[in-house]
Structures are given as structure tokens and as C-alpha cells.
Amino acid sequence: MELPKISQPAMRALTSINVKSLEDIMKYSEEELLALHGFGPKSIRILRKEMDAHGMKFKNEE
């Protein structure tokens, strides 16, 4: 599934860890993503909204 529109720095941060889809995001926790340079809380909110809509969760969430 395609990633939602997020900032360019956040996209570069995801590209640096080879994340290309919403499914790839599920391999990481919020904390791991927030530790990336250029990735912030707003990007987490955008991703969470999209993931919730598709029944997906971040790593370590039940």
C-alpha cells in the first residue's frame, strides 16, 4: 500500500531505512521512526491515521 503524503525530510528518513510502503512501516515502532533525522510527531500522526484506516499497527502495538 502506498505511503500517505508526508514531508520531504520524513520521506527521506523512511527511504534511508528502505521503507517504501505502509506495510514496511509495520516493521518499526513509533520510537524507532521518531529517532530518524527529519521524522517527527506530525508524520507519525499522518501514518497512524492511514494505518488505522487499513487495520495496521506499528511494531510492538497490540
PDB file of N, CA and C in Angstrom:
ATOM      1  N   MET A   1       0.831  -1.175   0.000  1.00  0.00           N
ATOM      2  CA  MET A   1       0.000   0.000   0.000  1.00  0.00           C
ATOM      3  C   MET A   1       0.879   1.244   0.000  1.00  0.00           C
ATOM      4  N   GLU A   2       0.494   2.201  -0.767  1.00  0.00           N
ATOM      5  CA  GLU A   2       1.300   3.417  -0.924  1.00  0.00           C
ATOM      6  C   GLU A   2       1.320   4.255   0.354  1.00  0.00           C
ATOM      7  N   LEU A   3       2.439   4.907   0.595  1.00  0.00           N
ATOM      8  CA  LEU A   3       2.569   5.786   1.754  1.00  0.00           C
ATOM      9  C   LEU A   3       1.749   7.054   1.558  1.00  0.00           C
ATOM     10  N   PRO A   4       1.152   7.583   2.638  1.00  0.00           N
ATOM     11  CA  PRO A   4       0.440   8.856   2.520  1.00  0.00           C
ATOM     12  C   PRO A   4       1.426  10.003   2.313  1.00  0.00           C
ATOM     13  N   LYS A   5       0.910  11.163   1.954  1.00  0.00           N
ATOM     14  CA  LYS A   5       1.766  12.329   1.724  1.00  0.00           C
ATOM     15  C   LYS A   5       2.284  12.857   3.066  1.00  0.00           C
ATOM     16  N   ILE A   6       3.614  12.820   3.212  1.00  0.00           N
ATOM     17  CA  ILE A   6       4.272  13.393   4.387  1.00  0.00           C
ATOM     18  C   ILE A   6       5.407  14.283   3.894  1.00  0.00           C
ATOM     19  N   SER A   7       6.034  15.003   4.810  1.00  0.00           N
ATOM     20  CA  SER A   7       7.069  15.964   4.422  1.00  0.00           C
ATOM     21  C   SER A   7       8.241  15.268   3.716  1.00  0.00           C
ATOM     22  N   GLN A   8       8.954  16.049   2.923  1.00  0.00           N
ATOM     23  CA  GLN A   8      10.127  15.512   2.215  1.00  0.00           C
ATOM     24  C   GLN A   8      11.200  15.004   3.171  1.00  0.00           C
ATOM     25  N   PRO A   9      11.511  15.742   4.270  1.00  0.00           N
ATOM     26  CA  PRO A   9      12.509  15.196   5.204  1.00  0.00           C
ATOM     27  C   PRO A   9      12.066  13.849   5.790  1.00  0.00           C
ATOM     28  N   ALA A  10      10.783  13.718   6.092  1.00  0.00           N
ATOM     29  CA  ALA A  10      10.273  12.450   6.635  1.00  0.00           C
ATOM     30  C   ALA A  10      10.363  11.348   5.582  1.00  0.00           C
ATOM     31  N   MET A  11      10.046  11.678   4.332  1.00  0.00           N
ATOM     32  CA  MET A  11      10.157  10.686   3.256  1.00  0.00           C
ATOM     33  C   MET A  11      11.609  10.243   3.075  1.00  0.00           C
ATOM     34  N   ARG A  12      12.541  11.188   3.141  1.00  0.00           N
ATOM     35  CA  ARG A  12      13.955  10.834   3.022  1.00  0.00           C
ATOM     36  C   ARG A  12      14.381   9.925   4.181  1.00  0.00           C
ATOM     37  N   ALA A  13      13.866  10.215   5.380  1.00  0.00           N
ATOM     38  CA  ALA A  13      14.185   9.385   6.538  1.00  0.00           C
ATOM     39  C   ALA A  13      13.686   7.955   6.310  1.00  0.00           C
ATOM     40  N   LEU A  14      12.474   7.811   5.784  1.00  0.00           N
ATOM     41  CA  LEU A  14      11.933   6.473   5.520  1.00  0.00           C
ATOM     42  C   LEU A  14      12.717   5.777   4.412  1.00  0.00           C
ATOM     43  N   THR A  15      13.084   6.527   3.389  1.00  0.00           N
ATOM     44  CA  THR A  15      13.872   5.957   2.299  1.00  0.00           C
ATOM     45  C   THR A  15      15.219   5.449   2.811  1.00  0.00           C
ATOM     46  N   SER A  16      15.786   6.144   3.794  1.00  0.00           N
ATOM     47  CA  SER A  16      17.089   5.752   4.339  1.00  0.00           C
ATOM     48  C   SER A  16      17.046   4.391   5.029  1.00  0.00           C
ATOM     49  N   ILE A  17      15.857   3.965   5.476  1.00  0.00           N
ATOM     50  CA  ILE A  17      15.726   2.643   6.104  1.00  0.00           C
ATOM     51  C   ILE A  17      14.951   1.685   5.189  1.00  0.00           C
ATOM     52  N   ASN A  18      14.871   2.051   3.910  1.00  0.00           N
ATOM     53  CA  ASN A  18      14.278   1.195   2.877  1.00  0.00           C
ATOM     54  C   ASN A  18      12.774   0.953   3.062  1.00  0.00           C
ATOM     55  N   VAL A  19      12.054   1.942   3.594  1.00  0.00           N
ATOM     56  CA  VAL A  19      10.604   1.848   3.730  1.00  0.00           C
ATOM     57  C   VAL A  19       9.979   2.436   2.472  1.00  0.00           C
ATOM     58  N   LYS A  20       9.182   1.606   1.788  1.00  0.00           N
ATOM     59  CA  LYS A  20       8.572   2.045   0.534  1.00  0.00           C
ATOM     60  C   LYS A  20       7.058   1.936   0.541  1.00  0.00           C
ATOM     61  N   SER A  21       6.499   1.290   1.568  1.00  0.00           N
ATOM     62  CA  SER A  21       5.056   1.092   1.608  1.00  0.00           C
ATOM     63  C   SER A  21       4.557   1.142   3.046  1.00  0.00           C
ATOM     64  N   LEU A  22       3.237   1.214   3.190  1.00  0.00           N
ATOM     65  CA  LEU A  22       2.625   1.216   4.514  1.00  0.00           C
ATOM     66  C   LEU A  22       2.929  -0.095   5.239  1.00  0.00           C
ATOM     67  N   GLU A  23       2.992  -1.193   4.505  1.00  0.00           N
ATOM     68  CA  GLU A  23       3.324  -2.480   5.113  1.00  0.00           C
ATOM     69  C   GLU A  23       4.724  -2.466   5.715  1.00  0.00           C
ATOM     70  N   ASP A  24       5.652  -1.775   5.057  1.00  0.00           N
ATOM     71  CA  ASP A  24       7.027  -1.669   5.581  1.00  0.00           C
ATOM     72  C   ASP A  24       7.046  -0.934   6.921  1.00  0.00           C
ATOM     73  N   ILE A  25       6.150   0.021   7.101  1.00  0.00           N
ATOM     74  CA  ILE A  25       6.090   0.805   8.341  1.00  0.00           C
ATOM     75  C   ILE A  25       5.817  -0.103   9.535  1.00  0.00           C
ATOM     76  N   MET A  26       5.056  -1.168   9.309  1.00  0.00           N
ATOM     77  CA  MET A  26       4.672  -2.071  10.399  1.00  0.00           C
ATOM     78  C   MET A  26       5.871  -2.760  11.049  1.00  0.00           C
ATOM     79  N   LYS A  27       7.022  -2.720  10.408  1.00  0.00           N
ATOM     80  CA  LYS A  27       8.239  -3.335  10.950  1.00  0.00           C
ATOM     81  C   LYS A  27       8.907  -2.462  12.009  1.00  0.00           C
ATOM     82  N   TYR A  28       8.411  -1.238  12.195  1.00  0.00           N
ATOM     83  CA  TYR A  28       9.050  -0.269  13.083  1.00  0.00           C
ATOM     84  C   TYR A  28       8.075   0.251  14.131  1.00  0.00           C
ATOM     85  N   SER A  29       8.605   0.578  15.306  1.00  0.00           N
ATOM     86  CA  SER A  29       7.803   1.207  16.350  1.00  0.00           C
ATOM     87  C   SER A  29       7.807   2.727  16.135  1.00  0.00           C
ATOM     88  N   GLU A  30       6.900   3.406  16.797  1.00  0.00           N
ATOM     89  CA  GLU A  30       6.883   4.872  16.721  1.00  0.00           C
ATOM     90  C   GLU A  30       8.219   5.439  17.185  1.00  0.00           C
ATOM     91  N   GLU A  31       8.759   4.872  18.261  1.00  0.00           N
ATOM     92  CA  GLU A  31      10.017   5.370  18.823  1.00  0.00           C
ATOM     93  C   GLU A  31      11.160   5.235  17.824  1.00  0.00           C
ATOM     94  N   GLU A  32      11.192   4.110  17.121  1.00  0.00           N
ATOM     95  CA  GLU A  32      12.254   3.903  16.124  1.00  0.00           C
ATOM     96  C   GLU A  32      12.136   4.923  14.996  1.00  0.00           C
ATOM     97  N   LEU A  33      10.921   5.203  14.567  1.00  0.00           N
ATOM     98  CA  LEU A  33      10.727   6.176  13.487  1.00  0.00           C
ATOM     99  C   LEU A  33      11.061   7.585  13.953  1.00  0.00           C
ATOM    100  N   LEU A  34      10.643   7.928  15.174  1.00  0.00           N
ATOM    101  CA  LEU A  34      10.918   9.272  15.695  1.00  0.00           C
ATOM    102  C   LEU A  34      12.411   9.508  15.906  1.00  0.00           C
ATOM    103  N   ALA A  35      13.180   8.444  16.030  1.00  0.00           N
ATOM    104  CA  ALA A  35      14.632   8.577  16.204  1.00  0.00           C
ATOM    105  C   ALA A  35      15.333   8.940  14.891  1.00  0.00           C
ATOM    106  N   LEU A  36      14.631   8.805  13.777  1.00  0.00           N
ATOM    107  CA  LEU A  36      15.218   9.126  12.473  1.00  0.00           C
ATOM    108  C   LEU A  36      15.316  10.642  12.299  1.00  0.00           C
ATOM    109  N   HIS A  37      16.423  11.085  11.757  1.00  0.00           N
ATOM    110  CA  HIS A  37      16.608  12.511  11.479  1.00  0.00           C
ATOM    111  C   HIS A  37      15.586  12.959  10.433  1.00  0.00           C
ATOM    112  N   GLY A  38      14.811  13.988  10.745  1.00  0.00           N
ATOM    113  CA  GLY A  38      13.836  14.527   9.805  1.00  0.00           C
ATOM    114  C   GLY A  38      12.436  13.956   9.959  1.00  0.00           C
ATOM    115  N   PHE A  39      12.264  13.025  10.898  1.00  0.00           N
ATOM    116  CA  PHE A  39      10.966  12.386  11.091  1.00  0.00           C
ATOM    117  C   PHE A  39      10.400  12.824  12.434  1.00  0.00           C
ATOM    118  N   GLY A  40       9.195  13.422  12.423  1.00  0.00           N
ATOM    119  CA  GLY A  40       8.636  13.964  13.656  1.00  0.00           C
ATOM    120  C   GLY A  40       7.235  13.483  13.970  1.00  0.00           C
ATOM    121  N   PRO A  41       6.667  14.025  15.050  1.00  0.00           N
ATOM    122  CA  PRO A  41       5.341  13.611  15.522  1.00  0.00           C
ATOM    123  C   PRO A  41       4.216  13.800  14.492  1.00  0.00           C
ATOM    124  N   LYS A  42       4.310  14.834  13.684  1.00  0.00           N
ATOM    125  CA  LYS A  42       3.264  15.053  12.674  1.00  0.00           C
ATOM    126  C   LYS A  42       3.237  13.892  11.673  1.00  0.00           C
ATOM    127  N   SER A  43       4.395  13.417  11.284  1.00  0.00           N
ATOM    128  CA  SER A  43       4.458  12.290  10.354  1.00  0.00           C
ATOM    129  C   SER A  43       3.877  11.030  10.986  1.00  0.00           C
ATOM    130  N   ILE A  44       4.112  10.837  12.279  1.00  0.00           N
ATOM    131  CA  ILE A  44       3.529   9.692  12.993  1.00  0.00           C
ATOM    132  C   ILE A  44       2.006   9.791  12.951  1.00  0.00           C
ATOM    133  N   ARG A  45       1.469  10.979  13.217  1.00  0.00           N
ATOM    134  CA  ARG A  45       0.002  11.160  13.206  1.00  0.00           C
ATOM    135  C   ARG A  45      -0.583  10.840  11.837  1.00  0.00           C
ATOM    136  N   ILE A  46       0.079  11.296  10.790  1.00  0.00           N
ATOM    137  CA  ILE A  46      -0.400  11.041   9.421  1.00  0.00           C
ATOM    138  C   ILE A  46      -0.360   9.545   9.127  1.00  0.00           C
ATOM    139  N   LEU A  47       0.748   8.902   9.470  1.00  0.00           N
ATOM    140  CA  LEU A  47       0.875   7.464   9.220  1.00  0.00           C
ATOM    141  C   LEU A  47      -0.126   6.670  10.051  1.00  0.00           C
ATOM    142  N   ARG A  48      -0.299   7.051  11.325  1.00  0.00           N
ATOM    143  CA  ARG A  48      -1.233   6.334  12.195  1.00  0.00           C
ATOM    144  C   ARG A  48      -2.657   6.399  11.635  1.00  0.00           C
ATOM    145  N   LYS A  49      -3.058   7.564  11.180  1.00  0.00           N
ATOM    146  CA  LYS A  49      -4.409   7.718  10.626  1.00  0.00           C
ATOM    147  C   LYS A  49      -4.611   6.780   9.432  1.00  0.00           C
ATOM    148  N   GLU A  50      -3.631   6.735   8.558  1.00  0.00           N
ATOM    149  CA  GLU A  50      -3.714   5.881   7.373  1.00  0.00           C
ATOM    150  C   GLU A  50      -3.665   4.403   7.761  1.00  0.00           C
ATOM    151  N   MET A  51      -2.797   4.072   8.703  1.00  0.00           N
ATOM    152  CA  MET A  51      -2.686   2.679   9.145  1.00  0.00           C
ATOM    153  C   MET A  51      -3.968   2.219   9.841  1.00  0.00           C
ATOM    154  N   ASP A  52      -4.534   3.063  10.683  1.00  0.00           N
ATOM    155  CA  ASP A  52      -5.796   2.722  11.357  1.00  0.00           C
ATOM    156  C   ASP A  52      -6.898   2.432  10.348  1.00  0.00           C
ATOM    157  N   ALA A  53      -6.926   3.209   9.275  1.00  0.00           N
ATOM    158  CA  ALA A  53      -7.953   3.031   8.242  1.00  0.00           C
ATOM    159  C   ALA A  53      -7.832   1.668   7.557  1.00  0.00           C
ATOM    160  N   HIS A  54      -6.639   1.071   7.627  1.00  0.00           N
ATOM    161  CA  HIS A  54      -6.404  -0.223   6.974  1.00  0.00           C
ATOM    162  C   HIS A  54      -6.158  -1.350   7.970  1.00  0.00           C
ATOM    163  N   GLY A  55      -6.435  -1.080   9.251  1.00  0.00           N
ATOM    164  CA  GLY A  55      -6.273  -2.108  10.273  1.00  0.00           C
ATOM    165  C   GLY A  55      -4.833  -2.507  10.543  1.00  0.00           C
ATOM    166  N   MET A  56      -3.903  -1.589  10.311  1.00  0.00           N
ATOM    167  CA  MET A  56      -2.477  -1.864  10.521  1.00  0.00           C
ATOM    168  C   MET A  56      -1.997  -1.197  11.809  1.00  0.00           C
ATOM    169  N   LYS A  57      -0.903  -1.730  12.359  1.00  0.00           N
ATOM    170  CA  LYS A  57      -0.345  -1.168  13.583  1.00  0.00           C
ATOM    171  C   LYS A  57       1.178  -1.070  13.484  1.00  0.00           C
ATOM    172  N   PHE A  58       1.738  -0.163  14.305  1.00  0.00           N
ATOM    173  CA  PHE A  58       3.192  -0.067  14.399  1.00  0.00           C
ATOM    174  C   PHE A  58       3.702  -1.297  15.149  1.00  0.00           C
ATOM    175  N   LYS A  59       4.976  -1.593  15.005  1.00  0.00           N
ATOM    176  CA  LYS A  59       5.598  -2.698  15.742  1.00  0.00           C
ATOM    177  C   LYS A  59       5.390  -2.489  17.234  1.00  0.00           C
ATOM    178  N   ASN A  60       5.212  -3.565  17.963  1.00  0.00           N
ATOM    179  CA  ASN A  60       5.038  -3.553  19.440  1.00  0.00           C
ATOM    180  C   ASN A  60       3.685  -3.015  19.890  1.00  0.00           C
ATOM    181  N   GLU A  61       2.748  -2.842  18.996  1.00  0.00           N
ATOM    182  CA  GLU A  61       1.389  -2.456  19.400  1.00  0.00           C
ATOM    183  C   GLU A  61       0.497  -3.674  19.305  1.00  0.00           C
ATOM    184  N   GLU A  62      -0.484  -3.746  20.175  1.00  0.00           N
ATOM    185  CA  GLU A  62      -1.395  -4.897  20.131  1.00  0.00           C
ATOM    186  C   GLU A  62      -2.582  -4.641  19.237  1.00  0.00           C
TER     187      GLU A  62
END
